N, C-alpha and C. Protein backbone atom coordinates (compact mmCIF):
# COMPACT_ATOMS: atom_id res chain seq x y z
N UNK A 1 27.75 -4.15 -5.82
CA UNK A 1 26.43 -4.25 -5.50
C UNK A 1 25.59 -3.15 -6.18
N UNK A 2 26.04 -2.62 -7.23
CA UNK A 2 25.38 -1.51 -7.98
C UNK A 2 23.89 -2.02 -8.33
N UNK A 3 23.57 -1.95 -9.56
CA UNK A 3 22.28 -2.29 -10.00
C UNK A 3 21.55 -1.04 -10.51
N UNK A 4 20.43 -1.32 -10.91
CA UNK A 4 19.51 -0.13 -11.47
C UNK A 4 19.01 0.72 -10.46
N UNK A 5 18.70 1.95 -10.65
CA UNK A 5 18.16 2.89 -9.81
C UNK A 5 16.61 2.63 -10.08
N UNK A 6 15.96 1.89 -9.04
CA UNK A 6 14.53 1.44 -9.29
C UNK A 6 13.57 2.55 -9.35
N UNK A 7 13.96 3.72 -8.74
CA UNK A 7 12.99 4.79 -8.65
C UNK A 7 12.78 5.31 -10.04
N UNK A 8 13.54 5.09 -10.99
CA UNK A 8 13.32 5.57 -12.41
C UNK A 8 12.91 4.50 -13.41
N UNK A 9 12.45 3.32 -12.92
CA UNK A 9 12.05 2.31 -13.85
C UNK A 9 10.61 1.89 -13.53
N UNK A 10 10.09 1.28 -14.62
CA UNK A 10 8.76 0.76 -14.48
C UNK A 10 9.09 -0.84 -14.26
N UNK A 11 8.71 -1.29 -13.01
CA UNK A 11 9.08 -2.61 -12.67
C UNK A 11 8.19 -3.60 -13.42
N UNK A 12 8.86 -4.59 -14.03
CA UNK A 12 8.16 -5.56 -14.88
C UNK A 12 8.32 -6.93 -14.22
N UNK A 13 7.59 -7.93 -14.65
CA UNK A 13 7.62 -9.27 -14.02
C UNK A 13 9.06 -9.79 -13.86
N UNK A 14 9.41 -10.37 -12.80
CA UNK A 14 10.70 -10.89 -12.60
C UNK A 14 11.57 -9.99 -11.68
N UNK A 15 11.10 -8.76 -11.53
CA UNK A 15 11.86 -7.82 -10.72
C UNK A 15 11.40 -7.87 -9.34
N UNK A 16 12.25 -7.88 -8.46
CA UNK A 16 11.96 -7.92 -6.96
C UNK A 16 12.69 -6.74 -6.37
N UNK A 17 11.73 -6.06 -5.59
CA UNK A 17 12.29 -4.82 -4.87
C UNK A 17 12.60 -5.16 -3.38
N UNK A 18 13.62 -4.61 -2.83
CA UNK A 18 14.01 -4.71 -1.42
C UNK A 18 14.04 -3.31 -0.96
N UNK A 19 13.24 -2.93 -0.02
CA UNK A 19 13.27 -1.51 0.38
C UNK A 19 12.99 -1.40 1.91
N UNK A 20 13.64 -0.28 2.53
CA UNK A 20 13.30 0.01 3.78
C UNK A 20 12.09 0.89 3.77
N UNK A 21 11.22 0.76 4.76
CA UNK A 21 9.86 1.41 4.86
C UNK A 21 9.46 1.64 6.23
N UNK A 22 8.50 2.59 6.33
CA UNK A 22 7.75 2.80 7.50
C UNK A 22 6.39 2.12 7.28
N UNK A 23 5.91 1.33 8.28
CA UNK A 23 4.68 0.66 8.09
C UNK A 23 3.70 1.14 9.29
N UNK A 24 2.58 1.57 8.87
CA UNK A 24 1.57 2.07 10.01
C UNK A 24 1.24 0.91 10.81
N UNK A 25 0.97 1.28 12.12
CA UNK A 25 0.45 0.27 13.01
C UNK A 25 -1.02 -0.21 12.38
N UNK A 26 -1.45 -1.46 12.88
CA UNK A 26 -2.76 -2.06 12.30
C UNK A 26 -3.86 -1.08 12.40
N UNK A 27 -4.10 -0.36 13.44
CA UNK A 27 -5.23 0.55 13.69
C UNK A 27 -5.08 1.65 12.63
N UNK A 28 -3.93 2.24 12.40
CA UNK A 28 -3.72 3.31 11.41
C UNK A 28 -3.80 2.82 10.00
N UNK A 29 -3.25 1.61 9.83
CA UNK A 29 -3.45 1.06 8.43
C UNK A 29 -4.96 0.83 8.06
N UNK A 30 -5.76 0.45 9.11
CA UNK A 30 -7.16 0.30 8.89
C UNK A 30 -7.88 1.59 8.56
N UNK A 31 -7.39 2.73 9.28
CA UNK A 31 -7.93 4.02 8.92
C UNK A 31 -7.55 4.54 7.61
N UNK A 32 -6.33 4.23 7.16
CA UNK A 32 -5.91 4.57 5.88
C UNK A 32 -6.71 3.75 4.87
N UNK A 33 -6.95 2.54 5.02
CA UNK A 33 -7.75 1.70 4.11
C UNK A 33 -9.15 2.33 4.02
N UNK A 34 -9.80 2.59 5.12
CA UNK A 34 -11.14 3.06 5.03
C UNK A 34 -11.16 4.39 4.28
N UNK A 35 -10.07 5.26 4.48
CA UNK A 35 -9.95 6.46 3.63
C UNK A 35 -9.90 6.15 2.09
N UNK A 36 -9.08 5.17 1.87
CA UNK A 36 -8.84 4.87 0.41
C UNK A 36 -10.07 4.36 -0.16
N UNK A 37 -10.95 3.56 0.57
CA UNK A 37 -12.23 3.14 -0.01
C UNK A 37 -13.20 4.34 -0.22
N UNK A 38 -13.26 5.26 0.85
CA UNK A 38 -14.04 6.40 0.69
C UNK A 38 -13.59 7.34 -0.54
N UNK A 39 -12.32 7.54 -0.58
CA UNK A 39 -11.83 8.25 -1.77
C UNK A 39 -12.20 7.56 -3.14
N UNK A 40 -12.07 6.28 -3.09
CA UNK A 40 -12.49 5.47 -4.46
C UNK A 40 -13.97 5.83 -4.78
N UNK A 41 -14.84 5.71 -3.84
CA UNK A 41 -16.28 5.91 -4.09
C UNK A 41 -16.66 7.33 -4.31
N UNK A 42 -16.03 8.26 -3.63
CA UNK A 42 -16.37 9.65 -3.70
C UNK A 42 -15.88 10.23 -5.04
N UNK A 43 -14.82 9.77 -5.56
CA UNK A 43 -14.18 10.24 -6.82
C UNK A 43 -14.38 9.29 -8.08
N UNK A 44 -15.34 8.31 -7.84
CA UNK A 44 -15.66 7.42 -8.94
C UNK A 44 -14.39 6.75 -9.52
N UNK A 45 -13.42 6.37 -8.66
CA UNK A 45 -12.24 5.64 -9.13
C UNK A 45 -12.51 4.18 -9.30
N UNK A 46 -11.84 3.52 -10.15
CA UNK A 46 -12.04 1.97 -10.47
C UNK A 46 -11.06 1.13 -9.84
N UNK A 47 -9.89 1.80 -9.38
CA UNK A 47 -8.83 0.90 -8.91
C UNK A 47 -9.26 0.56 -7.45
N UNK A 48 -8.65 -0.58 -7.11
CA UNK A 48 -8.86 -0.96 -5.57
C UNK A 48 -7.80 -0.55 -4.76
N UNK A 49 -8.07 -0.15 -3.47
CA UNK A 49 -7.02 0.12 -2.49
C UNK A 49 -6.09 -0.99 -2.37
N UNK A 50 -4.67 -0.72 -2.19
CA UNK A 50 -3.77 -1.75 -2.22
C UNK A 50 -3.74 -2.68 -0.99
N UNK A 51 -4.48 -2.31 0.17
CA UNK A 51 -4.70 -3.22 1.23
C UNK A 51 -3.93 -2.94 2.38
N UNK A 52 -4.55 -3.48 3.50
CA UNK A 52 -3.90 -3.18 4.90
C UNK A 52 -2.47 -3.60 4.97
N UNK A 53 -2.11 -4.77 4.38
CA UNK A 53 -0.72 -5.24 4.55
C UNK A 53 0.29 -4.44 3.72
N UNK A 54 -0.14 -3.62 2.85
CA UNK A 54 0.86 -2.98 1.92
C UNK A 54 1.02 -1.49 2.06
N UNK A 55 0.29 -0.85 2.88
CA UNK A 55 0.33 0.60 3.08
C UNK A 55 1.76 0.90 3.80
N UNK A 56 2.49 1.72 3.22
CA UNK A 56 3.79 1.98 3.75
C UNK A 56 4.36 3.42 3.17
N UNK A 57 5.50 3.82 3.76
CA UNK A 57 6.28 4.99 3.27
C UNK A 57 7.59 4.36 2.90
N UNK A 58 7.90 4.39 1.57
CA UNK A 58 9.26 3.86 1.15
C UNK A 58 10.31 4.86 1.53
N UNK A 59 11.46 4.41 2.18
CA UNK A 59 12.64 5.25 2.48
C UNK A 59 13.69 5.17 1.38
N UNK A 60 14.12 3.87 1.06
CA UNK A 60 15.06 3.71 -0.05
C UNK A 60 15.20 2.25 -0.17
N UNK A 61 15.75 1.84 -1.32
CA UNK A 61 15.98 0.45 -1.63
C UNK A 61 16.52 0.13 -2.98
N UNK A 62 16.57 -1.10 -3.36
CA UNK A 62 17.08 -1.64 -4.57
C UNK A 62 16.06 -2.52 -5.20
N UNK A 63 16.33 -2.86 -6.54
CA UNK A 63 15.56 -3.88 -7.15
C UNK A 63 16.53 -4.78 -7.89
N UNK A 64 16.25 -5.99 -8.04
CA UNK A 64 16.98 -7.06 -8.66
C UNK A 64 16.12 -7.94 -9.49
N UNK A 65 16.47 -8.18 -10.77
CA UNK A 65 15.78 -9.16 -11.58
C UNK A 65 16.03 -10.54 -10.96
N UNK A 66 14.99 -11.26 -10.61
CA UNK A 66 15.07 -12.66 -10.03
C UNK A 66 15.39 -12.71 -8.62
N UNK A 67 15.66 -11.53 -7.98
CA UNK A 67 15.99 -11.43 -6.49
C UNK A 67 17.47 -11.18 -6.24
N UNK A 68 17.70 -10.76 -5.06
CA UNK A 68 18.92 -10.22 -4.62
C UNK A 68 19.76 -11.50 -4.09
N UNK A 69 20.92 -11.47 -4.14
CA UNK A 69 21.81 -12.51 -3.56
C UNK A 69 21.79 -12.45 -2.12
N UNK A 70 22.00 -13.60 -1.42
CA UNK A 70 21.86 -13.65 0.02
C UNK A 70 22.91 -12.66 0.71
N UNK A 71 24.07 -12.45 -0.01
CA UNK A 71 25.03 -11.42 0.50
C UNK A 71 24.44 -10.04 0.55
N UNK A 72 23.65 -9.72 -0.50
CA UNK A 72 23.06 -8.45 -0.65
C UNK A 72 22.08 -8.29 0.46
N UNK A 73 21.25 -9.23 0.67
CA UNK A 73 20.22 -9.09 1.69
C UNK A 73 20.81 -8.98 3.06
N UNK A 74 21.99 -9.73 3.35
CA UNK A 74 22.66 -9.58 4.56
C UNK A 74 23.27 -8.18 4.73
N UNK A 75 23.74 -7.58 3.68
CA UNK A 75 24.24 -6.27 3.64
C UNK A 75 23.15 -5.31 4.01
N UNK A 76 22.02 -5.42 3.46
CA UNK A 76 20.89 -4.57 3.69
C UNK A 76 20.50 -4.74 5.20
N UNK A 77 20.51 -5.88 5.71
CA UNK A 77 20.21 -6.17 7.17
C UNK A 77 21.23 -5.36 8.00
N UNK A 78 22.53 -5.33 7.63
CA UNK A 78 23.50 -4.64 8.33
C UNK A 78 23.22 -3.01 8.28
N UNK A 79 22.80 -2.69 7.11
CA UNK A 79 22.46 -1.19 7.01
C UNK A 79 21.36 -0.87 8.01
N UNK A 80 20.32 -1.65 8.04
CA UNK A 80 19.22 -1.40 8.99
C UNK A 80 19.67 -1.36 10.42
N UNK A 81 20.54 -2.32 10.82
CA UNK A 81 20.97 -2.52 12.10
C UNK A 81 21.97 -1.32 12.53
N UNK A 82 22.56 -0.64 11.45
CA UNK A 82 23.53 0.40 11.87
C UNK A 82 22.83 1.78 12.09
N UNK A 83 21.62 1.93 11.73
CA UNK A 83 20.96 3.26 11.81
C UNK A 83 20.25 3.35 13.11
N UNK A 84 20.48 4.39 13.81
CA UNK A 84 19.74 4.72 15.08
C UNK A 84 19.04 6.11 14.92
N UNK A 85 17.81 6.10 15.29
CA UNK A 85 16.92 7.31 15.20
C UNK A 85 15.95 7.24 16.20
N UNK A 86 15.42 8.39 16.70
CA UNK A 86 14.26 8.42 17.57
C UNK A 86 12.85 8.10 16.91
N UNK A 87 11.88 7.69 17.66
CA UNK A 87 10.54 7.50 17.15
C UNK A 87 10.05 8.94 16.85
N UNK A 88 8.90 8.96 16.11
CA UNK A 88 8.29 10.27 15.69
C UNK A 88 6.92 9.84 15.21
N UNK A 89 6.18 10.91 14.80
CA UNK A 89 4.82 10.79 14.21
C UNK A 89 4.92 11.45 12.81
N UNK A 90 4.39 10.79 11.80
CA UNK A 90 4.34 11.32 10.43
C UNK A 90 2.94 11.65 10.09
N UNK A 91 2.71 12.68 9.39
CA UNK A 91 1.32 13.09 9.02
C UNK A 91 1.21 13.46 7.53
N UNK A 92 0.08 13.21 7.04
CA UNK A 92 -0.24 13.57 5.64
C UNK A 92 -1.52 14.53 5.55
N UNK A 93 -1.42 15.44 4.60
CA UNK A 93 -2.51 16.48 4.64
C UNK A 93 -3.19 16.62 3.35
N UNK A 94 -2.79 15.91 2.30
CA UNK A 94 -3.45 15.99 1.00
C UNK A 94 -3.33 14.71 0.13
N UNK A 95 -4.09 14.53 -0.79
CA UNK A 95 -4.09 13.45 -1.74
C UNK A 95 -3.40 13.94 -3.03
N UNK A 96 -2.56 13.21 -3.68
CA UNK A 96 -1.97 13.49 -5.00
C UNK A 96 -1.89 12.36 -5.90
N UNK A 97 -1.59 12.59 -7.12
CA UNK A 97 -1.54 11.49 -8.07
C UNK A 97 -0.23 11.55 -8.89
N UNK A 98 0.28 10.59 -9.47
CA UNK A 98 1.38 10.59 -10.27
C UNK A 98 1.17 9.65 -11.35
N UNK A 99 1.29 10.16 -12.58
CA UNK A 99 1.06 9.44 -13.86
C UNK A 99 0.55 10.15 -14.90
N UNK A 100 0.62 9.74 -16.21
CA UNK A 100 0.05 10.41 -17.28
C UNK A 100 -1.40 10.16 -17.36
N UNK A 101 -2.09 11.28 -17.86
CA UNK A 101 -3.60 11.11 -18.01
C UNK A 101 -3.80 9.95 -18.95
N UNK A 102 -4.79 9.02 -18.53
CA UNK A 102 -5.17 7.95 -19.36
C UNK A 102 -4.39 6.65 -19.04
N UNK A 103 -3.20 6.88 -18.42
CA UNK A 103 -2.34 5.68 -17.96
C UNK A 103 -2.74 5.40 -16.47
N UNK A 104 -2.23 4.28 -16.06
CA UNK A 104 -2.41 3.88 -14.68
C UNK A 104 -1.61 4.88 -13.78
N UNK A 105 -2.19 5.50 -12.84
CA UNK A 105 -1.49 6.46 -12.00
C UNK A 105 -1.63 6.03 -10.60
N UNK A 106 -0.58 6.36 -9.89
CA UNK A 106 -0.58 6.09 -8.41
C UNK A 106 -1.37 7.26 -7.71
N UNK A 107 -2.26 6.92 -6.83
CA UNK A 107 -3.05 7.89 -6.00
C UNK A 107 -2.48 7.73 -4.55
N UNK A 108 -1.97 8.81 -3.94
CA UNK A 108 -1.31 8.55 -2.66
C UNK A 108 -1.69 9.78 -1.75
N UNK A 109 -1.45 9.46 -0.39
CA UNK A 109 -1.39 10.52 0.61
C UNK A 109 0.08 11.16 0.47
N UNK A 110 0.13 12.41 0.71
CA UNK A 110 1.37 13.30 0.60
C UNK A 110 1.24 14.26 1.74
N UNK A 111 2.38 14.86 2.07
CA UNK A 111 2.53 15.82 3.01
C UNK A 111 3.06 17.07 2.58
N UNK A 112 2.58 18.18 2.98
CA UNK A 112 3.21 19.49 2.67
C UNK A 112 4.19 19.91 3.76
N UNK A 113 4.24 19.25 4.82
CA UNK A 113 5.23 19.49 5.85
C UNK A 113 6.48 18.82 5.67
N UNK A 114 7.55 19.37 6.43
CA UNK A 114 8.89 18.71 6.36
C UNK A 114 9.04 18.11 7.78
N UNK A 115 9.45 16.78 7.78
CA UNK A 115 9.72 16.11 8.99
C UNK A 115 11.23 15.87 8.98
N UNK A 116 11.95 16.69 9.78
CA UNK A 116 13.38 16.56 9.84
C UNK A 116 13.86 15.25 10.36
N UNK A 117 13.17 14.63 11.20
CA UNK A 117 13.63 13.36 11.84
C UNK A 117 13.48 12.32 10.70
N UNK A 118 12.37 12.28 10.03
CA UNK A 118 12.17 11.33 8.88
C UNK A 118 13.17 11.62 7.76
N UNK A 119 13.47 12.84 7.47
CA UNK A 119 14.53 13.15 6.39
C UNK A 119 15.98 12.61 6.90
N UNK A 120 16.25 12.76 8.19
CA UNK A 120 17.49 12.30 8.63
C UNK A 120 17.57 10.74 8.63
N UNK A 121 16.49 10.07 9.02
CA UNK A 121 16.35 8.61 8.90
C UNK A 121 16.70 8.16 7.56
N UNK A 122 15.95 8.72 6.48
CA UNK A 122 16.09 8.36 5.17
C UNK A 122 17.49 8.65 4.70
N UNK A 123 18.17 9.73 5.03
CA UNK A 123 19.54 9.99 4.55
C UNK A 123 20.56 9.04 5.26
N UNK A 124 20.28 8.62 6.46
CA UNK A 124 21.15 7.72 7.13
C UNK A 124 21.14 6.45 6.44
N UNK A 125 19.99 5.97 6.23
CA UNK A 125 19.85 4.72 5.46
C UNK A 125 20.63 4.66 4.13
N UNK A 126 20.24 5.77 3.35
CA UNK A 126 20.83 5.97 1.98
C UNK A 126 22.43 5.96 2.04
N UNK A 127 22.89 6.70 3.11
CA UNK A 127 24.35 6.92 3.20
C UNK A 127 24.92 5.49 3.62
N UNK A 128 24.38 4.76 4.40
CA UNK A 128 24.73 3.34 4.80
C UNK A 128 24.80 2.33 3.61
N UNK A 129 23.70 2.52 2.84
CA UNK A 129 23.58 1.63 1.60
C UNK A 129 24.68 2.01 0.66
N UNK A 130 24.91 3.32 0.34
CA UNK A 130 25.96 3.75 -0.56
C UNK A 130 27.36 3.25 -0.09
N UNK A 131 27.70 3.31 1.40
CA UNK A 131 28.92 2.86 1.93
C UNK A 131 29.10 1.33 1.64
N UNK A 132 28.14 0.62 1.42
CA UNK A 132 28.14 -0.76 1.20
C UNK A 132 28.00 -1.12 -0.30
N UNK A 133 28.15 -0.14 -1.13
CA UNK A 133 28.18 -0.37 -2.62
C UNK A 133 26.82 -0.35 -3.36
N UNK A 134 25.70 -0.04 -2.58
CA UNK A 134 24.41 0.03 -3.32
C UNK A 134 24.24 1.41 -3.98
N UNK A 135 23.62 1.47 -5.06
CA UNK A 135 23.16 2.76 -5.64
C UNK A 135 21.76 2.92 -5.22
N UNK A 136 21.53 4.14 -4.70
CA UNK A 136 20.07 4.48 -4.35
C UNK A 136 19.84 5.99 -4.59
N UNK A 137 18.83 6.40 -5.01
CA UNK A 137 18.54 7.80 -5.35
C UNK A 137 18.43 8.70 -4.14
N UNK A 138 18.79 9.87 -4.32
CA UNK A 138 18.81 10.90 -3.21
C UNK A 138 17.42 11.53 -3.18
N UNK A 139 16.55 11.48 -4.17
CA UNK A 139 15.28 12.07 -4.19
C UNK A 139 14.43 11.30 -3.24
N UNK A 140 13.71 12.12 -2.35
CA UNK A 140 12.75 11.47 -1.36
C UNK A 140 11.54 12.30 -1.21
N UNK A 141 10.37 11.78 -1.36
CA UNK A 141 9.09 12.48 -1.15
C UNK A 141 8.19 11.56 -0.38
N UNK A 142 8.12 11.80 0.94
CA UNK A 142 7.30 10.83 1.82
C UNK A 142 5.84 10.75 1.21
N UNK A 143 5.36 9.52 1.05
CA UNK A 143 3.96 9.35 0.67
C UNK A 143 3.46 7.83 1.02
N UNK A 144 2.14 7.70 1.03
CA UNK A 144 1.56 6.38 1.17
C UNK A 144 0.65 6.16 -0.08
N UNK A 145 0.99 5.22 -0.91
CA UNK A 145 0.19 4.89 -2.01
C UNK A 145 -1.11 4.14 -1.52
N UNK A 146 -2.20 4.70 -2.10
CA UNK A 146 -3.42 4.18 -1.69
C UNK A 146 -4.02 3.23 -2.70
N UNK A 147 -3.88 3.55 -3.99
CA UNK A 147 -4.42 2.71 -5.11
C UNK A 147 -3.87 3.18 -6.43
N UNK A 148 -4.14 2.49 -7.44
CA UNK A 148 -3.78 2.83 -8.81
C UNK A 148 -4.97 2.93 -9.57
N UNK A 149 -5.14 3.94 -10.42
CA UNK A 149 -6.34 4.17 -11.26
C UNK A 149 -6.01 4.92 -12.57
N UNK A 150 -6.78 4.76 -13.58
CA UNK A 150 -6.55 5.39 -14.90
C UNK A 150 -7.43 6.74 -14.93
N UNK A 151 -8.32 6.89 -14.06
CA UNK A 151 -9.17 8.07 -14.16
C UNK A 151 -8.67 9.26 -13.47
N UNK A 152 -8.76 10.43 -13.97
CA UNK A 152 -8.20 11.59 -13.33
C UNK A 152 -9.22 12.02 -12.14
N UNK A 153 -8.70 12.67 -11.14
CA UNK A 153 -9.57 13.03 -9.99
C UNK A 153 -8.98 14.28 -9.49
N UNK A 154 -9.89 15.05 -8.74
CA UNK A 154 -9.55 16.20 -8.11
C UNK A 154 -8.65 15.80 -6.90
N UNK A 155 -7.73 16.75 -6.57
CA UNK A 155 -6.89 16.36 -5.44
C UNK A 155 -7.23 17.04 -4.17
N UNK A 156 -8.04 16.36 -3.40
CA UNK A 156 -8.55 17.10 -2.15
C UNK A 156 -7.56 17.31 -1.06
N UNK A 157 -7.69 18.32 -0.36
CA UNK A 157 -7.08 18.53 0.95
C UNK A 157 -7.79 17.86 1.95
N UNK A 158 -7.16 17.18 2.81
CA UNK A 158 -7.86 16.24 3.74
C UNK A 158 -7.54 16.57 5.17
N UNK A 159 -8.28 16.16 6.09
CA UNK A 159 -7.89 16.40 7.56
C UNK A 159 -6.59 15.61 7.73
N UNK A 160 -5.61 16.05 8.42
CA UNK A 160 -4.32 15.35 8.48
C UNK A 160 -4.49 13.90 9.07
N UNK A 161 -3.92 13.00 8.36
CA UNK A 161 -3.88 11.62 8.75
C UNK A 161 -2.49 11.35 9.27
N UNK A 162 -2.32 10.77 10.40
CA UNK A 162 -1.09 10.61 10.93
C UNK A 162 -0.90 9.15 11.55
N UNK A 163 0.37 8.74 11.73
CA UNK A 163 0.63 7.59 12.52
C UNK A 163 1.90 7.58 13.15
N UNK A 164 1.92 6.95 14.35
CA UNK A 164 3.37 6.87 15.04
C UNK A 164 4.31 6.04 14.38
N UNK A 165 5.50 6.44 14.35
CA UNK A 165 6.55 5.62 13.74
C UNK A 165 7.52 5.18 14.91
N UNK A 166 7.54 3.87 15.13
CA UNK A 166 8.41 3.33 16.26
C UNK A 166 9.35 2.28 15.78
N UNK A 167 9.34 1.98 14.43
CA UNK A 167 10.23 0.98 13.81
C UNK A 167 10.21 1.32 12.33
N UNK A 168 11.23 0.74 11.71
CA UNK A 168 11.26 0.59 10.19
C UNK A 168 11.59 -0.84 9.92
N UNK A 169 11.10 -1.20 8.59
CA UNK A 169 11.25 -2.63 8.22
C UNK A 169 11.92 -2.72 6.86
N UNK A 170 12.51 -3.85 6.59
CA UNK A 170 13.06 -4.26 5.26
C UNK A 170 11.99 -5.10 4.51
N UNK A 171 11.55 -4.65 3.44
CA UNK A 171 10.41 -5.40 2.77
C UNK A 171 10.89 -5.89 1.42
N UNK A 172 10.50 -7.08 1.07
CA UNK A 172 10.65 -7.75 -0.28
C UNK A 172 9.30 -7.67 -0.89
N UNK A 173 9.30 -7.11 -2.15
CA UNK A 173 8.09 -7.10 -2.94
C UNK A 173 8.38 -7.65 -4.28
N UNK A 174 7.67 -8.67 -4.66
CA UNK A 174 7.71 -9.43 -5.93
C UNK A 174 6.80 -8.71 -6.85
N UNK A 175 7.10 -8.22 -7.98
CA UNK A 175 6.28 -7.63 -8.85
C UNK A 175 5.11 -8.61 -9.29
N UNK A 176 3.91 -8.11 -9.22
CA UNK A 176 2.71 -8.85 -9.58
C UNK A 176 2.12 -9.74 -8.51
N UNK A 177 2.66 -9.72 -7.39
CA UNK A 177 2.11 -10.71 -6.37
C UNK A 177 1.20 -10.01 -5.37
N UNK A 178 1.24 -8.72 -5.44
CA UNK A 178 0.41 -7.86 -4.38
C UNK A 178 0.71 -8.28 -2.98
N UNK A 179 2.01 -8.59 -2.68
CA UNK A 179 2.37 -9.03 -1.35
C UNK A 179 3.62 -8.42 -0.94
N UNK A 180 3.78 -8.07 0.40
CA UNK A 180 5.10 -7.56 0.99
C UNK A 180 5.52 -8.61 1.97
N UNK A 181 6.68 -9.02 1.82
CA UNK A 181 7.31 -9.88 2.91
C UNK A 181 8.24 -9.00 3.70
N UNK A 182 7.94 -8.96 5.04
CA UNK A 182 8.83 -8.25 5.90
C UNK A 182 10.01 -9.12 6.38
N UNK A 183 11.22 -8.77 5.95
CA UNK A 183 12.40 -9.54 6.07
C UNK A 183 13.03 -9.27 7.47
N UNK A 184 13.01 -8.03 7.83
CA UNK A 184 13.62 -7.63 9.16
C UNK A 184 12.99 -6.32 9.73
N UNK A 185 13.10 -6.08 10.99
CA UNK A 185 12.54 -4.80 11.56
C UNK A 185 13.53 -4.36 12.60
N UNK A 186 13.49 -2.98 12.73
CA UNK A 186 14.39 -2.35 13.75
C UNK A 186 13.61 -1.32 14.45
N UNK A 187 13.74 -1.37 15.73
CA UNK A 187 12.94 -0.36 16.61
C UNK A 187 13.68 0.97 16.59
N UNK A 188 12.91 2.08 16.72
CA UNK A 188 13.42 3.36 16.81
C UNK A 188 13.47 3.84 18.24
N UNK A 189 14.49 4.58 18.55
CA UNK A 189 14.55 5.20 19.91
C UNK A 189 14.97 4.19 21.02
N UNK A 190 15.31 2.98 20.75
CA UNK A 190 15.69 2.04 21.82
C UNK A 190 17.17 1.49 21.62
N UNK A 191 17.89 1.85 20.57
CA UNK A 191 19.16 1.29 20.40
C UNK A 191 20.20 2.42 20.77
């Protein structure tokens, strides 16, 4: 079940990502979206916020050209079902960007804090994925992508933005569709 390490690739048409993620509750997603729109106008950015249904924190995952086999999706669902963790709150305190000047860069919320519960959840998922033959990177930097833009911007410190984490989800994202399909979800703190 190997495959490419999707964290080091530019995803092109035909590639589909399957990843575990934290998704903010609707009220918190709306606050993130409002912040993204304010950031866009206050920094004269041209990219549009990615939208309420797509804000998330990626934990780990895979990509497959043309999609994953049903056996792989079933294995990912077993990974999710095997992980037990408590609920917690995650907070972000600054805006950052990633990409080369003049190229399309991701603009995202990032944290300068360490969340040991979040780190343990991510490591547990990664360990379970590797035990089932998936390759997934160990590098992890919690963030929420807000938009993509080609213009440079100053990276402001912001009042902490937080949301409660009571579950994690398995998401399928088809490159170019601007859509996330939630394939499965698991509650935290109840199993």
